[in-house]
Amino acid sequence: MNTRDYQRTVQSATQSFFAGQYAAAKWHCEQLLKMQKKSPEAMFLLAQIAWHEGERLDAIAQLQKYVRLYPKDLTARYLLGDYLNTAGRHREAIKSFERILSRQRDDLRSVAGLANAYENQGDPEKALEII
């Protein structure tokens, strides 16, 4: 695998994603997966593309797979919690945010996500307790 080609393809995939050009981003991700079977960049972007295209269950499944392969990626774990919370899967979201906070207590984004998940679950007292 040529590292320079790989990095260029990551950049192209990312730029396409942020430009809302999801078909192009997917194509670049497929190229990344040909270069590296478990390309973290491709897996992470494909989950986000699925979410933005309305394929929420697929996005969550892809992100769960990614987090299992790359458990130290707290940004991905946060995004998983956010997706789960938005999809109404509050208990799973709470677990995701709690895992982050067990490793990094001062992650304010995850504190807010956890409080939001508790509130959405119907437990505003617990949400206030967290904040």
N, C-alpha and C. Protein backbone atom coordinates (compact mmCIF):
# COMPACT_ATOMS: atom_id res chain seq x y z
N MET A 1 0.85 -1.18 0.00
CA MET A 1 0.00 0.00 0.00
C MET A 1 0.89 1.24 0.00
N ASN A 2 0.58 2.15 -0.88
CA ASN A 2 1.29 3.41 -0.97
C ASN A 2 0.67 4.39 0.02
N THR A 3 1.45 4.79 1.01
CA THR A 3 0.95 5.68 2.07
C THR A 3 0.45 7.01 1.51
N ARG A 4 1.17 7.54 0.55
CA ARG A 4 0.78 8.83 -0.03
C ARG A 4 -0.58 8.73 -0.73
N ASP A 5 -0.79 7.66 -1.50
CA ASP A 5 -2.07 7.46 -2.17
C ASP A 5 -3.20 7.27 -1.15
N TYR A 6 -2.88 6.53 -0.11
CA TYR A 6 -3.87 6.29 0.95
C TYR A 6 -4.30 7.62 1.58
N GLN A 7 -3.33 8.44 1.95
CA GLN A 7 -3.64 9.72 2.59
C GLN A 7 -4.42 10.65 1.65
N ARG A 8 -4.06 10.65 0.37
CA ARG A 8 -4.80 11.46 -0.60
C ARG A 8 -6.25 11.00 -0.71
N THR A 9 -6.43 9.70 -0.68
CA THR A 9 -7.78 9.15 -0.78
C THR A 9 -8.59 9.47 0.47
N VAL A 10 -7.96 9.41 1.63
CA VAL A 10 -8.63 9.82 2.87
C VAL A 10 -9.06 11.27 2.76
N GLN A 11 -8.17 12.12 2.28
CA GLN A 11 -8.49 13.54 2.13
C GLN A 11 -9.64 13.74 1.14
N SER A 12 -9.62 13.04 0.03
CA SER A 12 -10.69 13.16 -0.96
C SER A 12 -12.03 12.68 -0.39
N ALA A 13 -12.00 11.59 0.34
CA ALA A 13 -13.23 11.06 0.94
C ALA A 13 -13.79 12.05 1.95
N THR A 14 -12.93 12.60 2.76
CA THR A 14 -13.35 13.55 3.79
C THR A 14 -13.90 14.82 3.16
N GLN A 15 -13.20 15.35 2.16
CA GLN A 15 -13.67 16.56 1.49
C GLN A 15 -15.02 16.33 0.81
N SER A 16 -15.17 15.18 0.17
CA SER A 16 -16.44 14.86 -0.48
C SER A 16 -17.56 14.77 0.55
N PHE A 17 -17.28 14.14 1.68
CA PHE A 17 -18.28 14.01 2.73
C PHE A 17 -18.73 15.39 3.22
N PHE A 18 -17.78 16.25 3.55
CA PHE A 18 -18.14 17.56 4.08
C PHE A 18 -18.77 18.47 3.04
N ALA A 19 -18.58 18.15 1.77
CA ALA A 19 -19.24 18.90 0.69
C ALA A 19 -20.63 18.34 0.39
N GLY A 20 -21.02 17.29 1.12
CA GLY A 20 -22.32 16.67 0.90
C GLY A 20 -22.37 15.79 -0.32
N GLN A 21 -21.22 15.46 -0.86
CA GLN A 21 -21.13 14.59 -2.05
C GLN A 21 -20.93 13.15 -1.57
N TYR A 22 -22.01 12.57 -1.08
CA TYR A 22 -21.92 11.28 -0.42
C TYR A 22 -21.55 10.14 -1.37
N ALA A 23 -22.02 10.17 -2.60
CA ALA A 23 -21.67 9.11 -3.55
C ALA A 23 -20.16 9.11 -3.80
N ALA A 24 -19.60 10.29 -3.98
CA ALA A 24 -18.15 10.39 -4.19
C ALA A 24 -17.39 9.95 -2.94
N ALA A 25 -17.89 10.36 -1.77
CA ALA A 25 -17.25 9.97 -0.52
C ALA A 25 -17.27 8.45 -0.36
N LYS A 26 -18.41 7.83 -0.70
CA LYS A 26 -18.50 6.36 -0.62
C LYS A 26 -17.49 5.70 -1.55
N TRP A 27 -17.40 6.23 -2.75
CA TRP A 27 -16.46 5.66 -3.72
C TRP A 27 -15.04 5.71 -3.18
N HIS A 28 -14.66 6.86 -2.63
CA HIS A 28 -13.32 6.98 -2.06
C HIS A 28 -13.13 6.02 -0.88
N CYS A 29 -14.17 5.86 -0.08
CA CYS A 29 -14.09 4.92 1.05
C CYS A 29 -13.90 3.49 0.55
N GLU A 30 -14.58 3.14 -0.52
CA GLU A 30 -14.41 1.81 -1.10
C GLU A 30 -12.97 1.61 -1.57
N GLN A 31 -12.38 2.66 -2.12
CA GLN A 31 -10.98 2.57 -2.55
C GLN A 31 -10.07 2.38 -1.33
N LEU A 32 -10.38 3.09 -0.26
CA LEU A 32 -9.59 2.94 0.97
C LEU A 32 -9.67 1.50 1.49
N LEU A 33 -10.86 0.92 1.44
CA LEU A 33 -11.03 -0.45 1.93
C LEU A 33 -10.31 -1.46 1.05
N LYS A 34 -10.12 -1.12 -0.21
CA LYS A 34 -9.31 -1.98 -1.09
C LYS A 34 -7.83 -1.89 -0.71
N MET A 35 -7.42 -0.69 -0.28
CA MET A 35 -6.03 -0.49 0.11
C MET A 35 -5.73 -1.08 1.48
N GLN A 36 -6.72 -0.96 2.38
CA GLN A 36 -6.57 -1.44 3.76
C GLN A 36 -7.92 -1.99 4.19
N LYS A 37 -8.01 -3.29 4.37
CA LYS A 37 -9.29 -3.97 4.59
C LYS A 37 -10.13 -3.34 5.71
N LYS A 38 -9.52 -2.98 6.80
CA LYS A 38 -10.25 -2.40 7.93
C LYS A 38 -9.83 -0.94 8.12
N SER A 39 -9.86 -0.20 7.04
CA SER A 39 -9.48 1.21 7.08
C SER A 39 -10.35 1.95 8.09
N PRO A 40 -9.76 2.46 9.17
CA PRO A 40 -10.57 3.16 10.16
C PRO A 40 -11.24 4.40 9.58
N GLU A 41 -10.53 5.11 8.73
CA GLU A 41 -11.10 6.33 8.15
C GLU A 41 -12.32 6.00 7.29
N ALA A 42 -12.21 4.94 6.48
CA ALA A 42 -13.32 4.55 5.62
C ALA A 42 -14.52 4.08 6.45
N MET A 43 -14.25 3.25 7.44
CA MET A 43 -15.34 2.73 8.27
C MET A 43 -16.07 3.85 8.99
N PHE A 44 -15.32 4.79 9.53
CA PHE A 44 -15.91 5.90 10.27
C PHE A 44 -16.74 6.79 9.34
N LEU A 45 -16.19 7.11 8.18
CA LEU A 45 -16.91 7.95 7.22
C LEU A 45 -18.15 7.25 6.67
N LEU A 46 -18.06 5.96 6.37
CA LEU A 46 -19.21 5.24 5.84
C LEU A 46 -20.38 5.23 6.83
N ALA A 47 -20.08 5.13 8.11
CA ALA A 47 -21.14 5.20 9.12
C ALA A 47 -21.80 6.58 9.11
N GLN A 48 -21.00 7.62 9.00
CA GLN A 48 -21.55 8.97 8.97
C GLN A 48 -22.35 9.23 7.69
N ILE A 49 -21.87 8.70 6.58
CA ILE A 49 -22.60 8.85 5.31
C ILE A 49 -23.96 8.17 5.43
N ALA A 50 -23.97 6.96 5.96
CA ALA A 50 -25.23 6.23 6.13
C ALA A 50 -26.21 7.05 6.97
N TRP A 51 -25.72 7.65 8.04
CA TRP A 51 -26.57 8.46 8.91
C TRP A 51 -27.15 9.65 8.13
N HIS A 52 -26.31 10.34 7.40
CA HIS A 52 -26.76 11.52 6.66
C HIS A 52 -27.70 11.16 5.51
N GLU A 53 -27.63 9.94 5.04
CA GLU A 53 -28.53 9.49 3.98
C GLU A 53 -29.81 8.87 4.55
N GLY A 54 -29.97 8.93 5.87
CA GLY A 54 -31.18 8.45 6.50
C GLY A 54 -31.18 6.96 6.83
N GLU A 55 -30.06 6.32 6.65
CA GLU A 55 -29.93 4.88 6.95
C GLU A 55 -29.45 4.73 8.39
N ARG A 56 -30.31 5.10 9.32
CA ARG A 56 -29.90 5.20 10.72
C ARG A 56 -29.49 3.87 11.34
N LEU A 57 -30.26 2.83 11.10
CA LEU A 57 -29.90 1.52 11.68
C LEU A 57 -28.58 1.03 11.13
N ASP A 58 -28.37 1.22 9.84
CA ASP A 58 -27.11 0.83 9.21
C ASP A 58 -25.95 1.64 9.78
N ALA A 59 -26.17 2.94 9.94
CA ALA A 59 -25.13 3.82 10.49
C ALA A 59 -24.73 3.37 11.89
N ILE A 60 -25.73 3.08 12.71
CA ILE A 60 -25.45 2.64 14.08
C ILE A 60 -24.69 1.31 14.07
N ALA A 61 -25.13 0.38 13.23
CA ALA A 61 -24.45 -0.93 13.15
C ALA A 61 -23.00 -0.76 12.70
N GLN A 62 -22.78 0.10 11.71
CA GLN A 62 -21.42 0.32 11.23
C GLN A 62 -20.55 0.97 12.30
N LEU A 63 -21.13 1.93 13.01
CA LEU A 63 -20.37 2.61 14.05
C LEU A 63 -20.09 1.67 15.23
N GLN A 64 -21.03 0.80 15.55
CA GLN A 64 -20.79 -0.19 16.61
C GLN A 64 -19.63 -1.11 16.22
N LYS A 65 -19.61 -1.53 14.98
CA LYS A 65 -18.51 -2.38 14.49
C LYS A 65 -17.19 -1.63 14.58
N TYR A 66 -17.20 -0.37 14.17
CA TYR A 66 -15.99 0.45 14.22
C TYR A 66 -15.49 0.57 15.66
N VAL A 67 -16.39 0.85 16.58
CA VAL A 67 -16.01 1.04 17.99
C VAL A 67 -15.47 -0.26 18.59
N ARG A 68 -16.00 -1.40 18.15
CA ARG A 68 -15.44 -2.68 18.62
C ARG A 68 -14.00 -2.86 18.13
N LEU A 69 -13.74 -2.44 16.90
CA LEU A 69 -12.39 -2.57 16.34
C LEU A 69 -11.43 -1.52 16.88
N TYR A 70 -11.96 -0.33 17.16
CA TYR A 70 -11.12 0.79 17.60
C TYR A 70 -11.72 1.38 18.89
N PRO A 71 -11.68 0.64 19.99
CA PRO A 71 -12.36 1.05 21.22
C PRO A 71 -11.81 2.31 21.88
N LYS A 72 -10.60 2.70 21.54
CA LYS A 72 -10.02 3.89 22.16
C LYS A 72 -10.43 5.18 21.47
N ASP A 73 -11.15 5.08 20.36
CA ASP A 73 -11.59 6.27 19.63
C ASP A 73 -12.82 6.85 20.33
N LEU A 74 -12.58 7.79 21.22
CA LEU A 74 -13.66 8.36 22.01
C LEU A 74 -14.58 9.24 21.17
N THR A 75 -14.07 9.83 20.11
CA THR A 75 -14.92 10.63 19.22
C THR A 75 -15.97 9.73 18.57
N ALA A 76 -15.56 8.57 18.12
CA ALA A 76 -16.50 7.62 17.51
C ALA A 76 -17.50 7.12 18.55
N ARG A 77 -17.02 6.86 19.75
CA ARG A 77 -17.92 6.39 20.80
C ARG A 77 -18.94 7.48 21.15
N TYR A 78 -18.51 8.74 21.16
CA TYR A 78 -19.43 9.85 21.39
C TYR A 78 -20.49 9.89 20.28
N LEU A 79 -20.03 9.81 19.04
CA LEU A 79 -20.95 9.87 17.91
C LEU A 79 -21.95 8.71 17.98
N LEU A 80 -21.47 7.54 18.38
CA LEU A 80 -22.36 6.40 18.56
C LEU A 80 -23.43 6.72 19.61
N GLY A 81 -23.01 7.28 20.73
CA GLY A 81 -23.97 7.66 21.76
C GLY A 81 -24.99 8.66 21.24
N ASP A 82 -24.52 9.62 20.48
CA ASP A 82 -25.40 10.64 19.90
C ASP A 82 -26.39 10.00 18.93
N TYR A 83 -25.90 9.13 18.07
CA TYR A 83 -26.78 8.45 17.11
C TYR A 83 -27.82 7.60 17.85
N LEU A 84 -27.37 6.84 18.85
CA LEU A 84 -28.29 5.99 19.61
C LEU A 84 -29.35 6.83 20.31
N ASN A 85 -28.94 7.94 20.90
CA ASN A 85 -29.88 8.82 21.59
C ASN A 85 -30.90 9.38 20.61
N THR A 86 -30.44 9.85 19.48
CA THR A 86 -31.33 10.41 18.46
C THR A 86 -32.30 9.35 17.94
N ALA A 87 -31.85 8.11 17.87
CA ALA A 87 -32.69 7.01 17.38
C ALA A 87 -33.63 6.47 18.45
N GLY A 88 -33.60 7.06 19.65
CA GLY A 88 -34.49 6.64 20.72
C GLY A 88 -33.98 5.46 21.52
N ARG A 89 -32.74 5.10 21.32
CA ARG A 89 -32.14 3.97 22.05
C ARG A 89 -31.32 4.53 23.22
N HIS A 90 -32.05 5.11 24.16
CA HIS A 90 -31.44 5.90 25.23
C HIS A 90 -30.56 5.08 26.17
N ARG A 91 -30.99 3.88 26.52
CA ARG A 91 -30.16 3.06 27.43
C ARG A 91 -28.80 2.75 26.82
N GLU A 92 -28.79 2.43 25.53
CA GLU A 92 -27.53 2.15 24.86
C GLU A 92 -26.68 3.42 24.78
N ALA A 93 -27.34 4.55 24.54
CA ALA A 93 -26.62 5.82 24.48
C ALA A 93 -25.98 6.13 25.83
N ILE A 94 -26.72 5.90 26.89
CA ILE A 94 -26.20 6.13 28.24
C ILE A 94 -24.95 5.29 28.47
N LYS A 95 -24.99 4.03 28.08
CA LYS A 95 -23.82 3.16 28.24
C LYS A 95 -22.62 3.69 27.46
N SER A 96 -22.88 4.16 26.25
CA SER A 96 -21.80 4.69 25.42
C SER A 96 -21.15 5.91 26.07
N PHE A 97 -21.98 6.84 26.54
CA PHE A 97 -21.44 8.04 27.19
C PHE A 97 -20.74 7.69 28.50
N GLU A 98 -21.29 6.75 29.25
CA GLU A 98 -20.65 6.34 30.51
C GLU A 98 -19.28 5.71 30.26
N ARG A 99 -19.14 4.96 29.18
CA ARG A 99 -17.84 4.36 28.85
C ARG A 99 -16.80 5.45 28.58
N ILE A 100 -17.22 6.48 27.88
CA ILE A 100 -16.30 7.59 27.61
C ILE A 100 -15.89 8.24 28.92
N LEU A 101 -16.88 8.53 29.75
CA LEU A 101 -16.61 9.24 31.00
C LEU A 101 -15.82 8.39 31.99
N SER A 102 -15.87 7.08 31.86
CA SER A 102 -15.04 6.23 32.73
C SER A 102 -13.56 6.36 32.36
N ARG A 103 -13.30 6.77 31.13
CA ARG A 103 -11.92 6.96 30.67
C ARG A 103 -11.48 8.42 30.73
N GLN A 104 -12.45 9.31 30.56
CA GLN A 104 -12.12 10.73 30.49
C GLN A 104 -13.24 11.52 31.16
N ARG A 105 -13.13 11.66 32.48
CA ARG A 105 -14.18 12.29 33.29
C ARG A 105 -14.51 13.72 32.88
N ASP A 106 -13.57 14.42 32.30
CA ASP A 106 -13.78 15.84 32.01
C ASP A 106 -14.28 16.09 30.58
N ASP A 107 -14.77 15.07 29.91
CA ASP A 107 -15.29 15.24 28.55
C ASP A 107 -16.68 15.86 28.62
N LEU A 108 -16.72 17.18 28.52
CA LEU A 108 -17.98 17.92 28.70
C LEU A 108 -19.02 17.54 27.66
N ARG A 109 -18.58 17.25 26.47
CA ARG A 109 -19.50 16.86 25.41
C ARG A 109 -20.23 15.58 25.81
N SER A 110 -19.51 14.64 26.41
CA SER A 110 -20.12 13.38 26.84
C SER A 110 -20.99 13.56 28.08
N VAL A 111 -20.60 14.48 28.95
CA VAL A 111 -21.45 14.80 30.11
C VAL A 111 -22.79 15.32 29.61
N ALA A 112 -22.75 16.25 28.65
CA ALA A 112 -23.98 16.80 28.08
C ALA A 112 -24.78 15.71 27.36
N GLY A 113 -24.08 14.85 26.62
CA GLY A 113 -24.77 13.75 25.93
C GLY A 113 -25.44 12.80 26.90
N LEU A 114 -24.75 12.50 27.99
CA LEU A 114 -25.31 11.61 29.01
C LEU A 114 -26.55 12.23 29.65
N ALA A 115 -26.44 13.50 30.01
CA ALA A 115 -27.59 14.20 30.61
C ALA A 115 -28.76 14.23 29.63
N ASN A 116 -28.48 14.50 28.39
CA ASN A 116 -29.52 14.54 27.36
C ASN A 116 -30.18 13.18 27.19
N ALA A 117 -29.39 12.12 27.22
CA ALA A 117 -29.95 10.77 27.08
C ALA A 117 -30.87 10.44 28.26
N TYR A 118 -30.45 10.81 29.47
CA TYR A 118 -31.32 10.58 30.63
C TYR A 118 -32.60 11.40 30.52
N GLU A 119 -32.49 12.63 30.08
CA GLU A 119 -33.69 13.46 29.92
C GLU A 119 -34.62 12.85 28.88
N ASN A 120 -34.06 12.42 27.75
CA ASN A 120 -34.87 11.81 26.70
C ASN A 120 -35.49 10.50 27.14
N GLN A 121 -34.84 9.83 28.07
CA GLN A 121 -35.36 8.57 28.61
C GLN A 121 -36.50 8.83 29.60
N GLY A 122 -36.67 10.09 30.00
CA GLY A 122 -37.74 10.44 30.93
C GLY A 122 -37.27 10.58 32.36
N ASP A 123 -35.99 10.82 32.56
CA ASP A 123 -35.43 10.97 33.90
C ASP A 123 -34.72 12.31 34.02
N PRO A 124 -35.49 13.42 34.05
CA PRO A 124 -34.86 14.75 34.11
C PRO A 124 -34.09 14.99 35.40
N GLU A 125 -34.49 14.33 36.50
CA GLU A 125 -33.77 14.49 37.76
C GLU A 125 -32.34 13.96 37.63
N LYS A 126 -32.21 12.80 37.01
CA LYS A 126 -30.89 12.20 36.81
C LYS A 126 -30.07 13.08 35.87
N ALA A 127 -30.71 13.66 34.88
CA ALA A 127 -30.02 14.55 33.94
C ALA A 127 -29.45 15.75 34.68
N LEU A 128 -30.24 16.35 35.56
CA LEU A 128 -29.78 17.51 36.33
C LEU A 128 -28.67 17.12 37.30
N GLU A 129 -28.77 15.94 37.86
CA GLU A 129 -27.75 15.43 38.78
C GLU A 129 -26.38 15.34 38.08
N ILE A 130 -26.38 14.96 36.83
CA ILE A 130 -25.15 14.79 36.07
C ILE A 130 -24.50 16.14 35.78
N ILE A 131 -25.32 17.10 35.45
CA ILE A 131 -24.79 18.42 35.10
C ILE A 131 -24.46 19.16 36.36
